Amino acid sequence: MARVVFKFEDKDIPTKIVENAQAGFTLQEITEDHDVHLNHNCGCVCACSTCHVYIDKGEAAFPEISDREEDFIDRAINPKVESRLACQCIIEDEDADIEVTIPDQSQIIGHEH
């Protein structure tokens, strides 16, 4: 199983490590299953940017970014080169070692897990 480390820009939220993330699931699904705070609004259909994250390590474990995802990342708060939408990051490598930073979500109104 993959290992995913979720770090937060909001330093009041502690790092969460998921040791048993299954391939075939998205990062957003992993956050929901393991009580990791991540806002999301569109129901995992790549129609908003509320589940915006930064992939610090393990980018190769996910499918290549689509044009649609890139368009929505451009609408996110403070997008960077390592930005992705958690709903589009399907873990493809069951042995992946992934590190994710979740941006400060205090300015985002969205559904929480």
N, C-alpha and C. Protein backbone atom coordinates (compact mmCIF):
# COMPACT_ATOMS: atom_id res chain seq x y z
N MET A 1 0.84 -1.18 0.00
CA MET A 1 0.00 0.00 0.00
C MET A 1 0.88 1.25 0.00
N ALA A 2 0.33 2.30 -0.55
CA ALA A 2 1.06 3.56 -0.64
C ALA A 2 1.08 4.27 0.71
N ARG A 3 2.06 5.12 0.87
CA ARG A 3 2.19 5.95 2.07
C ARG A 3 2.00 7.40 1.64
N VAL A 4 1.09 8.10 2.34
CA VAL A 4 0.83 9.50 2.01
C VAL A 4 0.99 10.34 3.28
N VAL A 5 1.83 11.35 3.18
CA VAL A 5 2.02 12.30 4.28
C VAL A 5 1.29 13.58 3.89
N PHE A 6 0.33 13.98 4.73
CA PHE A 6 -0.42 15.21 4.52
C PHE A 6 0.10 16.26 5.49
N LYS A 7 0.71 17.32 4.93
CA LYS A 7 1.16 18.46 5.72
C LYS A 7 0.21 19.62 5.44
N PHE A 8 0.22 20.61 6.30
CA PHE A 8 -0.71 21.73 6.18
C PHE A 8 0.03 23.06 6.27
N GLU A 9 -0.36 24.01 5.41
CA GLU A 9 0.18 25.36 5.55
C GLU A 9 -0.26 25.96 6.87
N ASP A 10 -1.47 25.64 7.30
CA ASP A 10 -1.98 26.08 8.60
C ASP A 10 -1.26 25.25 9.67
N LYS A 11 -0.30 25.84 10.33
CA LYS A 11 0.54 25.10 11.28
C LYS A 11 -0.21 24.65 12.53
N ASP A 12 -1.46 25.09 12.71
CA ASP A 12 -2.27 24.62 13.83
C ASP A 12 -2.84 23.22 13.57
N ILE A 13 -2.76 22.76 12.32
CA ILE A 13 -3.26 21.42 11.97
C ILE A 13 -2.05 20.48 11.89
N PRO A 14 -2.04 19.42 12.68
CA PRO A 14 -0.87 18.52 12.67
C PRO A 14 -0.78 17.69 11.39
N THR A 15 0.45 17.32 11.06
CA THR A 15 0.70 16.43 9.93
C THR A 15 -0.02 15.10 10.17
N LYS A 16 -0.55 14.54 9.10
CA LYS A 16 -1.25 13.25 9.19
C LYS A 16 -0.57 12.30 8.21
N ILE A 17 -0.21 11.11 8.68
CA ILE A 17 0.43 10.11 7.83
C ILE A 17 -0.53 8.94 7.65
N VAL A 18 -0.77 8.60 6.38
CA VAL A 18 -1.61 7.45 6.04
C VAL A 18 -0.69 6.39 5.46
N GLU A 19 -0.54 5.30 6.18
CA GLU A 19 0.39 4.24 5.77
C GLU A 19 -0.25 3.24 4.81
N ASN A 20 -1.58 3.22 4.73
CA ASN A 20 -2.26 2.16 3.99
C ASN A 20 -3.18 2.71 2.89
N ALA A 21 -2.69 3.70 2.13
CA ALA A 21 -3.49 4.27 1.04
C ALA A 21 -3.50 3.29 -0.13
N GLN A 22 -4.68 2.96 -0.59
CA GLN A 22 -4.81 1.97 -1.65
C GLN A 22 -4.72 2.60 -3.03
N ALA A 23 -4.01 1.92 -3.93
CA ALA A 23 -3.98 2.33 -5.33
C ALA A 23 -5.41 2.26 -5.87
N GLY A 24 -5.72 3.16 -6.80
CA GLY A 24 -7.05 3.21 -7.38
C GLY A 24 -7.95 4.24 -6.73
N PHE A 25 -7.50 4.81 -5.61
CA PHE A 25 -8.27 5.84 -4.92
C PHE A 25 -7.60 7.20 -5.13
N THR A 26 -8.41 8.26 -5.09
CA THR A 26 -7.87 9.61 -5.22
C THR A 26 -7.38 10.11 -3.87
N LEU A 27 -6.54 11.13 -3.92
CA LEU A 27 -6.10 11.76 -2.67
C LEU A 27 -7.30 12.28 -1.89
N GLN A 28 -8.31 12.81 -2.59
CA GLN A 28 -9.50 13.31 -1.90
C GLN A 28 -10.22 12.18 -1.16
N GLU A 29 -10.34 11.02 -1.79
CA GLU A 29 -10.97 9.88 -1.12
C GLU A 29 -10.15 9.44 0.10
N ILE A 30 -8.83 9.49 -0.03
CA ILE A 30 -7.96 9.13 1.09
C ILE A 30 -8.19 10.09 2.26
N THR A 31 -8.33 11.40 1.96
CA THR A 31 -8.57 12.36 3.04
C THR A 31 -9.88 12.06 3.75
N GLU A 32 -10.90 11.70 3.00
CA GLU A 32 -12.20 11.41 3.60
C GLU A 32 -12.15 10.15 4.46
N ASP A 33 -11.45 9.14 3.98
CA ASP A 33 -11.38 7.87 4.71
C ASP A 33 -10.50 7.93 5.95
N HIS A 34 -9.62 8.94 6.04
CA HIS A 34 -8.66 8.99 7.13
C HIS A 34 -8.72 10.30 7.93
N ASP A 35 -9.86 10.96 7.87
CA ASP A 35 -10.12 12.16 8.68
C ASP A 35 -9.05 13.23 8.52
N VAL A 36 -8.73 13.53 7.25
CA VAL A 36 -7.79 14.60 6.93
C VAL A 36 -8.62 15.77 6.39
N HIS A 37 -8.46 16.94 6.97
CA HIS A 37 -9.25 18.11 6.58
C HIS A 37 -8.89 18.59 5.17
N LEU A 38 -9.86 18.52 4.26
CA LEU A 38 -9.70 19.04 2.91
C LEU A 38 -11.08 19.43 2.38
N ASN A 39 -11.26 20.72 2.10
CA ASN A 39 -12.53 21.18 1.53
C ASN A 39 -12.69 20.64 0.12
N HIS A 40 -13.95 20.47 -0.27
CA HIS A 40 -14.27 20.09 -1.65
C HIS A 40 -15.74 20.40 -1.91
N ASN A 41 -16.03 20.86 -3.12
CA ASN A 41 -17.38 21.31 -3.44
C ASN A 41 -18.06 20.57 -4.58
N CYS A 42 -17.33 20.11 -5.56
CA CYS A 42 -17.98 19.67 -6.81
C CYS A 42 -18.27 18.18 -6.88
N GLY A 43 -17.94 17.43 -5.86
CA GLY A 43 -18.21 15.99 -5.90
C GLY A 43 -17.22 15.20 -6.73
N CYS A 44 -16.00 15.64 -6.78
CA CYS A 44 -14.91 14.91 -7.46
C CYS A 44 -15.06 14.85 -8.98
N VAL A 45 -15.61 15.88 -9.58
CA VAL A 45 -15.79 15.86 -11.03
C VAL A 45 -14.94 16.91 -11.75
N CYS A 46 -13.95 17.47 -11.07
CA CYS A 46 -13.04 18.45 -11.67
C CYS A 46 -13.80 19.65 -12.20
N ALA A 47 -14.63 20.23 -11.31
CA ALA A 47 -15.43 21.39 -11.71
C ALA A 47 -15.21 22.59 -10.78
N CYS A 48 -14.22 22.51 -9.91
CA CYS A 48 -13.89 23.64 -9.03
C CYS A 48 -12.43 23.49 -8.62
N SER A 49 -11.97 24.31 -7.70
CA SER A 49 -10.57 24.22 -7.26
C SER A 49 -10.46 24.11 -5.74
N THR A 50 -11.54 23.74 -5.07
CA THR A 50 -11.50 23.73 -3.60
C THR A 50 -10.63 22.62 -3.02
N CYS A 51 -10.36 21.56 -3.77
CA CYS A 51 -9.50 20.48 -3.25
C CYS A 51 -8.06 20.63 -3.72
N HIS A 52 -7.66 21.85 -4.01
CA HIS A 52 -6.31 22.17 -4.47
C HIS A 52 -5.26 21.76 -3.43
N VAL A 53 -4.22 21.06 -3.88
CA VAL A 53 -3.11 20.65 -3.02
C VAL A 53 -1.80 20.85 -3.77
N TYR A 54 -0.70 20.77 -3.03
CA TYR A 54 0.64 20.78 -3.61
C TYR A 54 1.24 19.39 -3.44
N ILE A 55 1.73 18.82 -4.52
CA ILE A 55 2.39 17.52 -4.47
C ILE A 55 3.89 17.78 -4.28
N ASP A 56 4.38 17.52 -3.08
CA ASP A 56 5.79 17.77 -2.75
C ASP A 56 6.69 16.60 -3.14
N LYS A 57 6.10 15.40 -3.17
CA LYS A 57 6.88 14.19 -3.48
C LYS A 57 5.91 13.13 -4.00
N GLY A 58 6.34 12.41 -5.03
CA GLY A 58 5.54 11.29 -5.51
C GLY A 58 4.63 11.60 -6.68
N GLU A 59 4.89 12.67 -7.39
CA GLU A 59 4.05 13.07 -8.54
C GLU A 59 3.88 11.94 -9.55
N ALA A 60 4.91 11.10 -9.71
CA ALA A 60 4.86 10.02 -10.70
C ALA A 60 3.82 8.95 -10.36
N ALA A 61 3.31 8.96 -9.14
CA ALA A 61 2.30 7.98 -8.73
C ALA A 61 0.91 8.29 -9.28
N PHE A 62 0.75 9.48 -9.90
CA PHE A 62 -0.55 9.93 -10.39
C PHE A 62 -0.58 10.03 -11.90
N PRO A 63 -1.80 10.01 -12.48
CA PRO A 63 -1.90 10.25 -13.92
C PRO A 63 -1.43 11.65 -14.27
N GLU A 64 -1.05 11.85 -15.50
CA GLU A 64 -0.63 13.17 -15.97
C GLU A 64 -1.80 14.15 -15.82
N ILE A 65 -1.48 15.38 -15.52
CA ILE A 65 -2.49 16.41 -15.34
C ILE A 65 -3.21 16.66 -16.67
N SER A 66 -4.54 16.82 -16.60
CA SER A 66 -5.33 17.09 -17.81
C SER A 66 -5.44 18.60 -18.04
N ASP A 67 -5.81 18.97 -19.25
CA ASP A 67 -6.03 20.38 -19.56
C ASP A 67 -7.14 20.96 -18.68
N ARG A 68 -8.18 20.20 -18.47
CA ARG A 68 -9.30 20.65 -17.63
C ARG A 68 -8.83 20.92 -16.20
N GLU A 69 -8.04 20.00 -15.64
CA GLU A 69 -7.54 20.19 -14.29
C GLU A 69 -6.66 21.44 -14.23
N GLU A 70 -5.80 21.63 -15.22
CA GLU A 70 -4.95 22.83 -15.26
C GLU A 70 -5.78 24.11 -15.27
N ASP A 71 -6.88 24.10 -16.02
CA ASP A 71 -7.76 25.27 -16.07
C ASP A 71 -8.32 25.61 -14.69
N PHE A 72 -8.73 24.60 -13.93
CA PHE A 72 -9.28 24.86 -12.60
C PHE A 72 -8.19 25.21 -11.59
N ILE A 73 -7.00 24.66 -11.75
CA ILE A 73 -5.90 25.04 -10.86
C ILE A 73 -5.57 26.53 -11.02
N ASP A 74 -5.70 27.03 -12.23
CA ASP A 74 -5.47 28.47 -12.46
C ASP A 74 -6.41 29.34 -11.64
N ARG A 75 -7.54 28.80 -11.23
CA ARG A 75 -8.53 29.54 -10.43
C ARG A 75 -8.30 29.37 -8.92
N ALA A 76 -7.40 28.50 -8.54
CA ALA A 76 -7.13 28.23 -7.13
C ALA A 76 -6.37 29.41 -6.50
N ILE A 77 -6.40 29.45 -5.18
CA ILE A 77 -5.63 30.45 -4.44
C ILE A 77 -4.17 30.01 -4.42
N ASN A 78 -3.29 30.87 -4.90
CA ASN A 78 -1.84 30.65 -4.89
C ASN A 78 -1.41 29.34 -5.59
N PRO A 79 -1.77 29.16 -6.86
CA PRO A 79 -1.30 27.96 -7.56
C PRO A 79 0.21 27.99 -7.78
N LYS A 80 0.80 26.81 -7.79
CA LYS A 80 2.24 26.66 -8.01
C LYS A 80 2.47 25.56 -9.04
N VAL A 81 3.70 25.37 -9.43
CA VAL A 81 4.04 24.33 -10.39
C VAL A 81 3.61 22.95 -9.88
N GLU A 82 3.71 22.73 -8.58
CA GLU A 82 3.38 21.41 -8.01
C GLU A 82 1.91 21.28 -7.62
N SER A 83 1.06 22.23 -8.05
CA SER A 83 -0.37 22.19 -7.74
C SER A 83 -1.09 21.09 -8.50
N ARG A 84 -2.02 20.44 -7.81
CA ARG A 84 -2.94 19.47 -8.40
C ARG A 84 -4.27 19.58 -7.67
N LEU A 85 -5.30 18.98 -8.24
CA LEU A 85 -6.58 18.84 -7.56
C LEU A 85 -6.62 17.43 -6.98
N ALA A 86 -6.90 17.34 -5.68
CA ALA A 86 -6.88 16.04 -5.00
C ALA A 86 -7.88 15.07 -5.61
N CYS A 87 -8.98 15.59 -6.16
CA CYS A 87 -9.99 14.70 -6.75
C CYS A 87 -9.51 14.06 -8.05
N GLN A 88 -8.44 14.57 -8.63
CA GLN A 88 -7.92 14.04 -9.89
C GLN A 88 -6.65 13.23 -9.71
N CYS A 89 -6.13 13.18 -8.50
CA CYS A 89 -4.88 12.45 -8.21
C CYS A 89 -5.19 11.03 -7.77
N ILE A 90 -5.36 10.17 -8.75
CA ILE A 90 -5.62 8.75 -8.49
C ILE A 90 -4.27 8.07 -8.27
N ILE A 91 -4.12 7.40 -7.15
CA ILE A 91 -2.86 6.70 -6.87
C ILE A 91 -2.76 5.49 -7.79
N GLU A 92 -1.74 5.47 -8.63
CA GLU A 92 -1.55 4.38 -9.58
C GLU A 92 -0.45 3.41 -9.16
N ASP A 93 0.36 3.81 -8.21
CA ASP A 93 1.49 2.99 -7.76
C ASP A 93 1.25 2.56 -6.32
N GLU A 94 1.01 1.28 -6.12
CA GLU A 94 0.67 0.80 -4.77
C GLU A 94 1.83 0.91 -3.78
N ASP A 95 3.04 1.14 -4.27
CA ASP A 95 4.19 1.30 -3.39
C ASP A 95 4.67 2.75 -3.30
N ALA A 96 3.83 3.67 -3.72
CA ALA A 96 4.22 5.08 -3.78
C ALA A 96 4.50 5.65 -2.39
N ASP A 97 5.42 6.59 -2.35
CA ASP A 97 5.72 7.38 -1.15
C ASP A 97 5.42 8.82 -1.53
N ILE A 98 4.32 9.34 -1.01
CA ILE A 98 3.76 10.62 -1.46
C ILE A 98 3.76 11.62 -0.31
N GLU A 99 4.10 12.86 -0.61
CA GLU A 99 3.99 13.94 0.37
C GLU A 99 3.17 15.07 -0.26
N VAL A 100 2.16 15.51 0.48
CA VAL A 100 1.22 16.52 0.00
C VAL A 100 1.15 17.64 1.02
N THR A 101 1.10 18.88 0.53
CA THR A 101 0.82 20.01 1.40
C THR A 101 -0.56 20.54 1.03
N ILE A 102 -1.40 20.68 2.04
CA ILE A 102 -2.73 21.24 1.85
C ILE A 102 -2.65 22.72 2.17
N PRO A 103 -2.96 23.57 1.17
CA PRO A 103 -2.88 25.02 1.40
C PRO A 103 -3.84 25.46 2.50
N ASP A 104 -3.59 26.65 3.01
CA ASP A 104 -4.47 27.26 4.01
C ASP A 104 -5.87 27.35 3.40
N GLN A 105 -6.84 26.74 4.04
CA GLN A 105 -8.20 26.70 3.51
C GLN A 105 -9.14 27.67 4.21
N SER A 106 -8.60 28.58 5.01
CA SER A 106 -9.44 29.48 5.78
C SER A 106 -10.24 30.44 4.89
N GLN A 107 -9.79 30.68 3.66
CA GLN A 107 -10.50 31.56 2.75
C GLN A 107 -11.45 30.82 1.82
N ILE A 108 -11.54 29.50 1.97
CA ILE A 108 -12.35 28.69 1.09
C ILE A 108 -13.62 28.27 1.81
N ILE A 109 -14.74 28.55 1.19
CA ILE A 109 -16.01 28.04 1.72
C ILE A 109 -16.28 26.77 0.96
N GLY A 110 -16.31 25.67 1.67
CA GLY A 110 -16.52 24.40 0.98
C GLY A 110 -16.96 23.32 1.94
N HIS A 111 -17.42 22.24 1.35
CA HIS A 111 -17.83 21.08 2.12
C HIS A 111 -16.59 20.41 2.69
N GLU A 112 -16.62 20.11 3.97
CA GLU A 112 -15.54 19.36 4.59
C GLU A 112 -15.94 17.90 4.67
N HIS A 113 -14.97 17.02 4.73
CA HIS A 113 -15.23 15.59 4.80
C HIS A 113 -16.22 15.23 5.87
